[in-house]
């Protein structure tokens, strides 16, 4: 892509990727917008711009870029991010649609777990904490060799249990995470706060 400008445009994309990796979303966005205008059908540009916009809290703009990425690739790997953008915009119907698309394809346990966490969060946003807890709890048990996505799911579930007033269950879940990875997120602080 990019014809005789391809090498220069590729270098700009790499510069944007470095900015994104260095948590400099604004710099990445500044590099990527002109690239998107020059390469509107580049999935890599659309994806990275969408992720940069998402990180900077520009959810509507992130949605446009990531939806274009999905249209170009047919991929569902950014569905959890799209779902979170919809959640931030309180478009809960869209969260559900994207969840069904993701669950139907079930691309990887990590992506499905991320999508599941967003769905639970959207339920909690609407005051449906018990449903959110039940939705995550179905996938929280029976894990013999926990991986990071399990810890993330347990953390979200522990947070919901705490919000629901189920403090012993929240404490047990946070402790379960701590035993696997004592440095995970703020699990030590959350446990200390629960006593």
N, C-alpha and C. Protein backbone atom coordinates (compact mmCIF):
# COMPACT_ATOMS: atom_id res chain seq x y z
N UNK A 1 0.84 -1.19 0.00
CA UNK A 1 0.00 0.00 0.00
C UNK A 1 0.88 1.25 0.00
N UNK A 2 0.35 2.29 -0.60
CA UNK A 2 1.06 3.56 -0.57
C UNK A 2 1.95 3.82 -1.76
N UNK A 3 2.07 2.85 -2.68
CA UNK A 3 2.87 3.05 -3.88
C UNK A 3 4.30 3.45 -3.55
N UNK A 4 4.78 4.48 -4.27
CA UNK A 4 6.18 4.90 -4.06
C UNK A 4 6.38 5.57 -2.70
N UNK A 5 5.30 5.88 -2.00
CA UNK A 5 5.38 6.45 -0.65
C UNK A 5 5.34 5.36 0.42
N UNK A 6 5.21 4.12 -0.01
CA UNK A 6 4.99 3.01 0.92
C UNK A 6 6.02 2.91 2.02
N UNK A 7 7.29 3.06 1.68
CA UNK A 7 8.34 2.93 2.69
C UNK A 7 8.23 4.03 3.75
N UNK A 8 7.98 5.27 3.31
CA UNK A 8 7.84 6.39 4.24
C UNK A 8 6.60 6.22 5.12
N UNK A 9 5.50 5.78 4.51
CA UNK A 9 4.27 5.59 5.27
C UNK A 9 4.42 4.45 6.29
N UNK A 10 5.12 3.41 5.89
CA UNK A 10 5.38 2.31 6.82
C UNK A 10 6.21 2.79 8.01
N UNK A 11 7.20 3.64 7.74
CA UNK A 11 8.02 4.18 8.82
C UNK A 11 7.16 5.02 9.77
N UNK A 12 6.21 5.75 9.23
CA UNK A 12 5.30 6.54 10.07
C UNK A 12 4.42 5.63 10.93
N UNK A 13 3.96 4.54 10.34
CA UNK A 13 3.15 3.58 11.11
C UNK A 13 3.97 3.00 12.26
N UNK A 14 5.21 2.68 12.01
CA UNK A 14 6.08 2.16 13.06
C UNK A 14 6.32 3.21 14.15
N UNK A 15 6.45 4.47 13.74
CA UNK A 15 6.62 5.55 14.71
C UNK A 15 5.37 5.69 15.58
N UNK A 16 4.20 5.56 14.96
CA UNK A 16 2.94 5.61 15.71
C UNK A 16 2.83 4.43 16.67
N UNK A 17 3.24 3.25 16.21
CA UNK A 17 3.21 2.06 17.07
C UNK A 17 4.13 2.24 18.27
N UNK A 18 5.28 2.85 18.06
CA UNK A 18 6.19 3.12 19.19
C UNK A 18 5.57 4.11 20.17
N UNK A 19 4.90 5.14 19.64
CA UNK A 19 4.24 6.11 20.51
C UNK A 19 3.14 5.43 21.32
N UNK A 20 2.36 4.57 20.68
CA UNK A 20 1.30 3.84 21.36
C UNK A 20 1.88 2.95 22.46
N UNK A 21 2.93 2.22 22.11
CA UNK A 21 3.57 1.32 23.08
C UNK A 21 4.15 2.10 24.25
N UNK A 22 4.53 3.35 24.02
CA UNK A 22 5.08 4.19 25.07
C UNK A 22 4.03 5.01 25.80
N UNK A 23 2.75 4.62 25.63
CA UNK A 23 1.63 5.32 26.29
C UNK A 23 1.54 6.79 25.89
N UNK A 24 1.88 7.09 24.65
CA UNK A 24 1.76 8.45 24.13
C UNK A 24 0.69 8.45 23.03
N UNK A 25 -0.56 8.25 23.48
CA UNK A 25 -1.67 8.11 22.55
C UNK A 25 -1.85 9.35 21.67
N UNK A 26 -1.70 10.53 22.26
CA UNK A 26 -1.88 11.76 21.47
C UNK A 26 -0.90 11.83 20.33
N UNK A 27 0.35 11.46 20.60
CA UNK A 27 1.35 11.44 19.53
C UNK A 27 0.96 10.44 18.46
N UNK A 28 0.53 9.26 18.90
CA UNK A 28 0.12 8.22 17.94
C UNK A 28 -1.04 8.72 17.08
N UNK A 29 -2.03 9.34 17.70
CA UNK A 29 -3.19 9.85 16.96
C UNK A 29 -2.75 10.89 15.94
N UNK A 30 -1.84 11.79 16.36
CA UNK A 30 -1.34 12.82 15.45
C UNK A 30 -0.63 12.25 14.24
N UNK A 31 0.03 11.14 14.41
CA UNK A 31 0.72 10.48 13.29
C UNK A 31 -0.28 9.69 12.44
N UNK A 32 -1.23 9.05 13.10
CA UNK A 32 -2.12 8.10 12.41
C UNK A 32 -3.23 8.76 11.60
N UNK A 33 -3.74 9.90 12.03
CA UNK A 33 -4.83 10.52 11.27
C UNK A 33 -4.43 10.83 9.84
N UNK A 34 -3.28 11.48 9.60
CA UNK A 34 -2.87 11.70 8.20
C UNK A 34 -2.63 10.38 7.45
N UNK A 35 -2.10 9.38 8.17
CA UNK A 35 -1.89 8.08 7.54
C UNK A 35 -3.22 7.45 7.11
N UNK A 36 -4.22 7.57 7.98
CA UNK A 36 -5.54 7.03 7.65
C UNK A 36 -6.09 7.71 6.40
N UNK A 37 -5.89 9.03 6.30
CA UNK A 37 -6.39 9.76 5.14
C UNK A 37 -5.68 9.32 3.85
N UNK A 38 -4.41 8.94 3.97
CA UNK A 38 -3.64 8.50 2.81
C UNK A 38 -3.85 7.02 2.50
N UNK A 39 -4.15 6.24 3.54
CA UNK A 39 -4.33 4.80 3.40
C UNK A 39 -5.64 4.38 4.07
N UNK A 40 -6.77 4.81 3.54
CA UNK A 40 -8.05 4.56 4.23
C UNK A 40 -8.41 3.08 4.35
N UNK A 41 -7.81 2.23 3.54
CA UNK A 41 -8.14 0.81 3.59
C UNK A 41 -7.04 -0.03 4.23
N UNK A 42 -6.21 0.61 5.03
CA UNK A 42 -5.16 -0.13 5.74
C UNK A 42 -5.70 -0.60 7.08
N UNK A 43 -5.88 -1.91 7.24
CA UNK A 43 -6.36 -2.42 8.53
C UNK A 43 -5.45 -2.04 9.69
N UNK A 44 -4.15 -2.07 9.48
CA UNK A 44 -3.20 -1.76 10.56
C UNK A 44 -3.36 -0.33 11.04
N UNK A 45 -3.53 0.60 10.10
CA UNK A 45 -3.70 2.01 10.47
C UNK A 45 -5.01 2.19 11.21
N UNK A 46 -6.09 1.62 10.67
CA UNK A 46 -7.41 1.76 11.31
C UNK A 46 -7.41 1.16 12.72
N UNK A 47 -6.80 0.00 12.86
CA UNK A 47 -6.77 -0.67 14.17
C UNK A 47 -5.99 0.15 15.19
N UNK A 48 -4.79 0.57 14.82
CA UNK A 48 -3.95 1.30 15.77
C UNK A 48 -4.55 2.67 16.09
N UNK A 49 -5.14 3.33 15.11
CA UNK A 49 -5.80 4.60 15.38
C UNK A 49 -6.99 4.38 16.31
N UNK A 50 -7.78 3.35 16.05
CA UNK A 50 -8.92 3.05 16.93
C UNK A 50 -8.48 2.77 18.36
N UNK A 51 -7.43 2.00 18.53
CA UNK A 51 -6.94 1.69 19.87
C UNK A 51 -6.37 2.93 20.57
N UNK A 52 -5.71 3.78 19.82
CA UNK A 52 -5.17 5.02 20.38
C UNK A 52 -6.30 5.94 20.82
N UNK A 53 -7.34 6.05 20.00
CA UNK A 53 -8.49 6.88 20.35
C UNK A 53 -9.20 6.31 21.58
N UNK A 54 -9.32 4.99 21.63
CA UNK A 54 -9.94 4.32 22.78
C UNK A 54 -9.19 4.66 24.06
N UNK A 55 -7.88 4.50 24.02
CA UNK A 55 -7.07 4.78 25.21
C UNK A 55 -7.19 6.23 25.65
N UNK A 56 -7.44 7.13 24.70
CA UNK A 56 -7.53 8.55 25.04
C UNK A 56 -8.96 8.94 25.41
N UNK A 57 -9.87 7.96 25.45
CA UNK A 57 -11.24 8.23 25.88
C UNK A 57 -12.15 8.79 24.81
N UNK A 58 -11.73 8.73 23.56
CA UNK A 58 -12.55 9.22 22.44
C UNK A 58 -13.32 8.04 21.84
N UNK A 59 -14.36 7.63 22.56
CA UNK A 59 -15.01 6.36 22.26
C UNK A 59 -15.77 6.35 20.94
N UNK A 60 -16.44 7.43 20.60
CA UNK A 60 -17.17 7.45 19.32
C UNK A 60 -16.20 7.37 18.15
N UNK A 61 -15.12 8.13 18.21
CA UNK A 61 -14.12 8.10 17.14
C UNK A 61 -13.42 6.74 17.09
N UNK A 62 -13.13 6.17 18.25
CA UNK A 62 -12.51 4.84 18.29
C UNK A 62 -13.43 3.82 17.65
N UNK A 63 -14.72 3.93 17.94
CA UNK A 63 -15.69 2.99 17.36
C UNK A 63 -15.68 3.07 15.85
N UNK A 64 -15.67 4.28 15.29
CA UNK A 64 -15.66 4.43 13.83
C UNK A 64 -14.44 3.73 13.22
N UNK A 65 -13.28 3.95 13.81
CA UNK A 65 -12.06 3.35 13.26
C UNK A 65 -12.07 1.83 13.40
N UNK A 66 -12.47 1.35 14.56
CA UNK A 66 -12.44 -0.10 14.77
C UNK A 66 -13.54 -0.81 13.98
N UNK A 67 -14.69 -0.16 13.79
CA UNK A 67 -15.72 -0.75 12.93
C UNK A 67 -15.21 -0.85 11.49
N UNK A 68 -14.47 0.16 11.06
CA UNK A 68 -13.89 0.11 9.71
C UNK A 68 -12.86 -1.03 9.63
N UNK A 69 -12.07 -1.18 10.68
CA UNK A 69 -11.11 -2.29 10.75
C UNK A 69 -11.83 -3.64 10.61
N UNK A 70 -12.93 -3.80 11.34
CA UNK A 70 -13.70 -5.04 11.27
C UNK A 70 -14.25 -5.24 9.86
N UNK A 71 -14.75 -4.17 9.24
CA UNK A 71 -15.29 -4.27 7.88
C UNK A 71 -14.20 -4.69 6.89
N UNK A 72 -12.99 -4.20 7.09
CA UNK A 72 -11.88 -4.55 6.20
C UNK A 72 -11.38 -5.97 6.40
N UNK A 73 -11.40 -6.45 7.64
CA UNK A 73 -10.76 -7.74 7.95
C UNK A 73 -11.71 -8.87 8.28
N UNK A 74 -12.90 -8.53 8.77
CA UNK A 74 -13.81 -9.56 9.25
C UNK A 74 -13.39 -10.14 10.60
N UNK A 75 -12.36 -9.55 11.21
CA UNK A 75 -11.82 -10.05 12.47
C UNK A 75 -12.68 -9.62 13.65
N UNK A 76 -12.61 -10.40 14.72
CA UNK A 76 -13.31 -10.06 15.95
C UNK A 76 -12.33 -9.78 17.10
N UNK A 77 -11.05 -9.69 16.79
CA UNK A 77 -10.05 -9.54 17.84
C UNK A 77 -10.16 -8.22 18.61
N UNK A 78 -10.81 -7.22 18.03
CA UNK A 78 -11.00 -5.95 18.75
C UNK A 78 -12.43 -5.79 19.27
N UNK A 79 -13.21 -6.85 19.21
CA UNK A 79 -14.59 -6.76 19.72
C UNK A 79 -14.67 -6.36 21.19
N UNK A 80 -13.81 -6.88 22.08
CA UNK A 80 -13.91 -6.41 23.46
C UNK A 80 -13.71 -4.90 23.60
N UNK A 81 -12.82 -4.33 22.79
CA UNK A 81 -12.60 -2.88 22.83
C UNK A 81 -13.84 -2.18 22.27
N UNK A 82 -14.36 -2.67 21.16
CA UNK A 82 -15.60 -2.09 20.61
C UNK A 82 -16.74 -2.18 21.62
N UNK A 83 -16.82 -3.29 22.31
CA UNK A 83 -17.86 -3.47 23.33
C UNK A 83 -17.70 -2.43 24.45
N UNK A 84 -16.45 -2.21 24.85
CA UNK A 84 -16.21 -1.24 25.92
C UNK A 84 -16.52 0.18 25.44
N UNK A 85 -16.25 0.47 24.17
CA UNK A 85 -16.63 1.77 23.61
C UNK A 85 -18.15 1.94 23.65
N UNK A 86 -18.87 0.90 23.27
CA UNK A 86 -20.34 0.95 23.30
C UNK A 86 -20.82 1.10 24.73
N UNK A 87 -20.19 0.41 25.63
CA UNK A 87 -20.55 0.51 27.06
C UNK A 87 -20.34 1.94 27.55
N UNK A 88 -19.22 2.56 27.18
CA UNK A 88 -18.94 3.93 27.60
C UNK A 88 -19.98 4.90 27.05
N UNK A 89 -20.53 4.58 25.89
CA UNK A 89 -21.56 5.43 25.27
C UNK A 89 -22.96 5.02 25.71
N UNK A 90 -23.03 4.04 26.62
CA UNK A 90 -24.30 3.50 27.14
C UNK A 90 -25.17 2.90 26.04
N UNK A 91 -24.51 2.35 25.02
CA UNK A 91 -25.20 1.65 23.93
C UNK A 91 -25.17 0.16 24.26
N UNK A 92 -26.00 -0.21 25.24
CA UNK A 92 -25.96 -1.58 25.75
C UNK A 92 -26.46 -2.61 24.74
N UNK A 93 -27.34 -2.19 23.85
CA UNK A 93 -27.79 -3.12 22.80
C UNK A 93 -26.60 -3.51 21.92
N UNK A 94 -25.74 -2.54 21.62
CA UNK A 94 -24.58 -2.82 20.78
C UNK A 94 -23.59 -3.72 21.52
N UNK A 95 -23.45 -3.52 22.82
CA UNK A 95 -22.60 -4.41 23.62
C UNK A 95 -23.07 -5.86 23.44
N UNK A 96 -24.38 -6.05 23.53
CA UNK A 96 -24.94 -7.39 23.37
C UNK A 96 -24.72 -7.97 21.98
N UNK A 97 -24.90 -7.14 20.95
CA UNK A 97 -24.68 -7.61 19.57
C UNK A 97 -23.23 -8.05 19.38
N UNK A 98 -22.31 -7.21 19.82
CA UNK A 98 -20.89 -7.54 19.66
C UNK A 98 -20.51 -8.77 20.47
N UNK A 99 -21.11 -8.92 21.66
CA UNK A 99 -20.84 -10.11 22.47
C UNK A 99 -21.29 -11.37 21.73
N UNK A 100 -22.47 -11.33 21.15
CA UNK A 100 -22.96 -12.51 20.42
C UNK A 100 -22.04 -12.85 19.25
N UNK A 101 -21.56 -11.83 18.53
CA UNK A 101 -20.63 -12.08 17.42
C UNK A 101 -19.35 -12.72 17.94
N UNK A 102 -18.83 -12.18 19.04
CA UNK A 102 -17.59 -12.71 19.61
C UNK A 102 -17.79 -14.13 20.13
N UNK A 103 -18.87 -14.35 20.86
CA UNK A 103 -19.13 -15.67 21.44
C UNK A 103 -19.37 -16.72 20.36
N UNK A 104 -20.01 -16.33 19.26
CA UNK A 104 -20.25 -17.27 18.17
C UNK A 104 -18.96 -17.77 17.56
N UNK A 105 -17.98 -16.87 17.43
CA UNK A 105 -16.70 -17.23 16.82
C UNK A 105 -15.76 -17.86 17.85
N UNK A 106 -15.85 -17.37 19.10
CA UNK A 106 -15.03 -17.85 20.21
C UNK A 106 -13.57 -18.01 19.79
N UNK A 107 -12.92 -16.88 19.43
CA UNK A 107 -11.58 -16.95 18.84
C UNK A 107 -10.48 -17.43 19.77
N UNK A 108 -10.54 -17.04 21.03
CA UNK A 108 -9.54 -17.47 22.01
C UNK A 108 -10.13 -17.27 23.40
N UNK A 109 -9.66 -18.04 24.36
CA UNK A 109 -10.17 -17.86 25.73
C UNK A 109 -9.93 -16.44 26.26
N UNK A 110 -8.79 -15.86 25.88
CA UNK A 110 -8.46 -14.51 26.36
C UNK A 110 -9.46 -13.48 25.85
N UNK A 111 -9.76 -13.52 24.56
CA UNK A 111 -10.71 -12.56 23.98
C UNK A 111 -12.11 -12.76 24.52
N UNK A 112 -12.51 -14.00 24.65
CA UNK A 112 -13.86 -14.28 25.17
C UNK A 112 -13.96 -13.81 26.63
N UNK A 113 -12.91 -14.02 27.41
CA UNK A 113 -12.92 -13.55 28.80
C UNK A 113 -13.03 -12.04 28.86
N UNK A 114 -12.30 -11.33 28.00
CA UNK A 114 -12.39 -9.87 27.97
C UNK A 114 -13.80 -9.42 27.61
N UNK A 115 -14.38 -10.07 26.61
CA UNK A 115 -15.75 -9.74 26.22
C UNK A 115 -16.72 -10.00 27.36
N UNK A 116 -16.53 -11.11 28.04
CA UNK A 116 -17.40 -11.48 29.16
C UNK A 116 -17.31 -10.42 30.27
N UNK A 117 -16.12 -9.92 30.53
CA UNK A 117 -15.93 -8.89 31.56
C UNK A 117 -16.67 -7.61 31.18
N UNK A 118 -16.62 -7.25 29.91
CA UNK A 118 -17.32 -6.03 29.46
C UNK A 118 -18.84 -6.21 29.58
N UNK A 119 -19.34 -7.38 29.19
CA UNK A 119 -20.78 -7.63 29.32
C UNK A 119 -21.20 -7.52 30.78
N UNK A 120 -20.43 -8.13 31.68
CA UNK A 120 -20.76 -8.05 33.10
C UNK A 120 -20.74 -6.61 33.58
N UNK A 121 -19.77 -5.83 33.13
CA UNK A 121 -19.72 -4.42 33.49
C UNK A 121 -20.92 -3.65 32.99
N UNK A 122 -21.38 -4.00 31.78
CA UNK A 122 -22.55 -3.30 31.24
C UNK A 122 -23.81 -3.65 32.02
N UNK A 123 -23.90 -4.89 32.49
CA UNK A 123 -25.02 -5.27 33.34
C UNK A 123 -24.97 -4.50 34.66
N UNK A 124 -23.78 -4.43 35.24
CA UNK A 124 -23.61 -3.71 36.51
C UNK A 124 -23.93 -2.22 36.34
N UNK A 125 -23.56 -1.65 35.21
CA UNK A 125 -23.85 -0.23 34.94
C UNK A 125 -25.34 0.05 35.04
N UNK A 126 -26.13 -0.96 34.70
CA UNK A 126 -27.59 -0.80 34.70
C UNK A 126 -28.21 -1.30 36.00
N UNK A 127 -27.38 -1.52 37.02
CA UNK A 127 -27.88 -1.94 38.32
C UNK A 127 -28.22 -3.42 38.41
N UNK A 128 -27.78 -4.20 37.44
CA UNK A 128 -28.09 -5.63 37.41
C UNK A 128 -26.88 -6.43 37.92
N UNK A 129 -26.48 -6.10 39.14
CA UNK A 129 -25.26 -6.69 39.73
C UNK A 129 -25.37 -8.20 39.86
N UNK A 130 -26.52 -8.70 40.31
CA UNK A 130 -26.66 -10.15 40.49
C UNK A 130 -26.50 -10.89 39.16
N UNK A 131 -27.06 -10.32 38.09
CA UNK A 131 -26.90 -10.94 36.77
C UNK A 131 -25.44 -10.90 36.34
N UNK A 132 -24.77 -9.77 36.61
CA UNK A 132 -23.36 -9.63 36.24
C UNK A 132 -22.51 -10.66 36.97
N UNK A 133 -22.79 -10.83 38.27
CA UNK A 133 -22.05 -11.83 39.06
C UNK A 133 -22.28 -13.22 38.48
N UNK A 134 -23.53 -13.56 38.21
CA UNK A 134 -23.85 -14.88 37.67
C UNK A 134 -23.18 -15.10 36.31
N UNK A 135 -23.13 -14.05 35.49
CA UNK A 135 -22.55 -14.15 34.16
C UNK A 135 -21.05 -14.48 34.24
N UNK A 136 -20.35 -13.87 35.19
CA UNK A 136 -18.92 -14.17 35.34
C UNK A 136 -18.67 -15.45 36.12
N UNK A 137 -19.52 -15.69 37.10
CA UNK A 137 -19.31 -16.85 37.98
C UNK A 137 -19.34 -18.17 37.22
N UNK A 138 -20.09 -18.21 36.12
CA UNK A 138 -20.16 -19.43 35.31
C UNK A 138 -18.80 -19.86 34.79
N UNK A 139 -17.88 -18.91 34.63
CA UNK A 139 -16.56 -19.23 34.07
C UNK A 139 -15.43 -19.08 35.09
N UNK A 140 -15.77 -18.89 36.36
CA UNK A 140 -14.76 -18.59 37.36
C UNK A 140 -14.18 -19.83 38.04
N UNK A 141 -14.87 -20.94 37.99
CA UNK A 141 -14.42 -22.12 38.72
C UNK A 141 -13.75 -23.14 37.83
N UNK A 142 -13.21 -24.17 38.47
CA UNK A 142 -12.66 -25.31 37.75
C UNK A 142 -11.43 -25.02 36.92
N UNK A 143 -10.64 -24.04 37.30
CA UNK A 143 -9.43 -23.71 36.55
C UNK A 143 -8.23 -24.32 37.27
N UNK A 144 -7.56 -25.23 36.58
CA UNK A 144 -6.43 -25.91 37.21
C UNK A 144 -5.12 -25.14 37.05
N UNK A 145 -4.95 -24.54 35.90
CA UNK A 145 -3.74 -23.75 35.65
C UNK A 145 -4.14 -22.35 35.19
N UNK A 146 -4.40 -21.46 36.15
CA UNK A 146 -4.88 -20.12 35.79
C UNK A 146 -3.86 -19.34 34.97
N UNK A 147 -4.41 -18.63 33.98
CA UNK A 147 -3.61 -17.72 33.17
C UNK A 147 -4.11 -16.31 33.44
N UNK A 148 -3.47 -15.34 32.83
CA UNK A 148 -3.81 -13.95 33.14
C UNK A 148 -5.29 -13.64 32.91
N UNK A 149 -5.87 -14.18 31.85
CA UNK A 149 -7.28 -13.86 31.60
C UNK A 149 -8.19 -14.42 32.70
N UNK A 150 -7.77 -15.52 33.34
CA UNK A 150 -8.54 -16.02 34.48
C UNK A 150 -8.46 -15.04 35.65
N UNK A 151 -7.25 -14.53 35.88
CA UNK A 151 -7.07 -13.56 36.96
C UNK A 151 -7.91 -12.31 36.71
N UNK A 152 -7.94 -11.86 35.47
CA UNK A 152 -8.74 -10.67 35.13
C UNK A 152 -10.23 -10.93 35.36
N UNK A 153 -10.67 -12.11 34.99
CA UNK A 153 -12.08 -12.46 35.20
C UNK A 153 -12.38 -12.56 36.70
N UNK A 154 -11.50 -13.20 37.46
CA UNK A 154 -11.70 -13.30 38.91
C UNK A 154 -11.71 -11.92 39.56
N UNK A 155 -10.84 -11.04 39.08
CA UNK A 155 -10.77 -9.70 39.63
C UNK A 155 -12.10 -8.96 39.39
N UNK A 156 -12.60 -9.03 38.17
CA UNK A 156 -13.88 -8.38 37.85
C UNK A 156 -15.00 -8.97 38.71
N UNK A 157 -14.99 -10.29 38.87
CA UNK A 157 -16.00 -10.95 39.69
C UNK A 157 -15.87 -10.52 41.15
N UNK A 158 -14.65 -10.46 41.68
CA UNK A 158 -14.44 -10.03 43.06
C UNK A 158 -14.96 -8.61 43.26
N UNK A 159 -14.68 -7.75 42.30
CA UNK A 159 -15.16 -6.37 42.38
C UNK A 159 -16.69 -6.32 42.42
N UNK A 160 -17.32 -7.11 41.56
CA UNK A 160 -18.79 -7.16 41.56
C UNK A 160 -19.34 -7.73 42.87
N UNK A 161 -18.69 -8.76 43.38
CA UNK A 161 -19.14 -9.35 44.65
C UNK A 161 -19.03 -8.31 45.77
N UNK A 162 -17.96 -7.53 45.76
CA UNK A 162 -17.82 -6.48 46.77
C UNK A 162 -18.92 -5.45 46.62
N UNK A 163 -19.19 -5.04 45.39
CA UNK A 163 -20.26 -4.06 45.15
C UNK A 163 -21.62 -4.59 45.57
N UNK A 164 -21.80 -5.91 45.45
CA UNK A 164 -23.07 -6.53 45.84
C UNK A 164 -23.17 -6.74 47.34
N UNK A 165 -22.08 -6.48 48.07
CA UNK A 165 -22.09 -6.67 49.51
C UNK A 165 -21.70 -8.06 49.95
N UNK A 166 -21.26 -8.89 49.02
CA UNK A 166 -20.83 -10.27 49.33
C UNK A 166 -19.33 -10.25 49.68
N UNK A 167 -19.02 -9.65 50.82
CA UNK A 167 -17.61 -9.41 51.17
C UNK A 167 -16.79 -10.67 51.39
N UNK A 168 -17.32 -11.72 52.02
CA UNK A 168 -16.50 -12.95 52.15
C UNK A 168 -16.13 -13.54 50.79
N UNK A 169 -17.07 -13.53 49.87
CA UNK A 169 -16.80 -14.06 48.52
C UNK A 169 -15.79 -13.17 47.79
N UNK A 170 -15.93 -11.85 47.92
CA UNK A 170 -14.97 -10.93 47.31
C UNK A 170 -13.58 -11.17 47.87
N UNK A 171 -13.50 -11.29 49.18
CA UNK A 171 -12.21 -11.53 49.84
C UNK A 171 -11.59 -12.83 49.34
N UNK A 172 -12.39 -13.87 49.24
CA UNK A 172 -11.87 -15.17 48.77
C UNK A 172 -11.35 -15.07 47.33
N UNK A 173 -12.05 -14.35 46.49
CA UNK A 173 -11.60 -14.21 45.10
C UNK A 173 -10.33 -13.38 45.00
N UNK A 174 -10.28 -12.26 45.72
CA UNK A 174 -9.05 -11.46 45.71
C UNK A 174 -7.88 -12.28 46.26
N UNK A 175 -8.12 -13.08 47.29
CA UNK A 175 -7.06 -13.92 47.84
C UNK A 175 -6.62 -14.98 46.83
N UNK A 176 -7.56 -15.51 46.11
CA UNK A 176 -7.25 -16.51 45.07
C UNK A 176 -6.31 -15.90 44.03
N UNK A 177 -6.58 -14.65 43.66
CA UNK A 177 -5.72 -13.94 42.70
C UNK A 177 -4.34 -13.71 43.31
N UNK A 178 -4.33 -13.23 44.57
CA UNK A 178 -3.06 -12.94 45.24
C UNK A 178 -2.17 -14.17 45.32
N UNK A 179 -2.78 -15.34 45.56
CA UNK A 179 -1.99 -16.57 45.64
C UNK A 179 -1.37 -16.93 44.29
N UNK A 180 -2.01 -16.53 43.21
CA UNK A 180 -1.47 -16.79 41.88
C UNK A 180 -0.44 -15.74 41.46
N UNK A 181 -0.74 -14.46 41.81
CA UNK A 181 0.13 -13.36 41.40
C UNK A 181 -0.06 -12.21 42.38
N UNK A 182 0.82 -12.13 43.36
CA UNK A 182 0.69 -11.13 44.43
C UNK A 182 0.76 -9.70 43.91
N UNK A 183 1.35 -9.51 42.74
CA UNK A 183 1.48 -8.16 42.18
C UNK A 183 0.40 -7.80 41.18
N UNK A 184 -0.62 -8.63 41.07
CA UNK A 184 -1.66 -8.38 40.07
C UNK A 184 -2.49 -7.16 40.46
N UNK A 185 -2.53 -6.18 39.56
CA UNK A 185 -3.32 -4.95 39.75
C UNK A 185 -3.15 -4.42 41.17
N UNK A 186 -4.25 -4.10 41.82
CA UNK A 186 -4.19 -3.59 43.20
C UNK A 186 -4.79 -4.61 44.17
N UNK A 187 -4.59 -5.89 43.86
CA UNK A 187 -5.23 -6.95 44.64
C UNK A 187 -4.83 -6.90 46.12
N UNK A 188 -3.58 -6.57 46.42
CA UNK A 188 -3.15 -6.51 47.83
C UNK A 188 -3.91 -5.41 48.57
N UNK A 189 -4.07 -4.27 47.92
CA UNK A 189 -4.80 -3.16 48.54
C UNK A 189 -6.27 -3.51 48.72
N UNK A 190 -6.84 -4.16 47.72
CA UNK A 190 -8.26 -4.53 47.81
C UNK A 190 -8.46 -5.51 48.96
N UNK A 191 -7.57 -6.47 49.10
CA UNK A 191 -7.67 -7.44 50.21
C UNK A 191 -7.53 -6.73 51.56
N UNK A 192 -6.56 -5.83 51.65
CA UNK A 192 -6.35 -5.11 52.91
C UNK A 192 -7.60 -4.29 53.27
N UNK A 193 -8.22 -3.68 52.28
CA UNK A 193 -9.43 -2.87 52.53
C UNK A 193 -10.59 -3.72 53.01
N UNK A 194 -10.61 -4.98 52.57
CA UNK A 194 -11.70 -5.88 52.98
C UNK A 194 -11.44 -6.51 54.34
N UNK A 195 -10.23 -6.35 54.86
CA UNK A 195 -9.92 -6.85 56.20
C UNK A 195 -9.56 -8.28 56.29
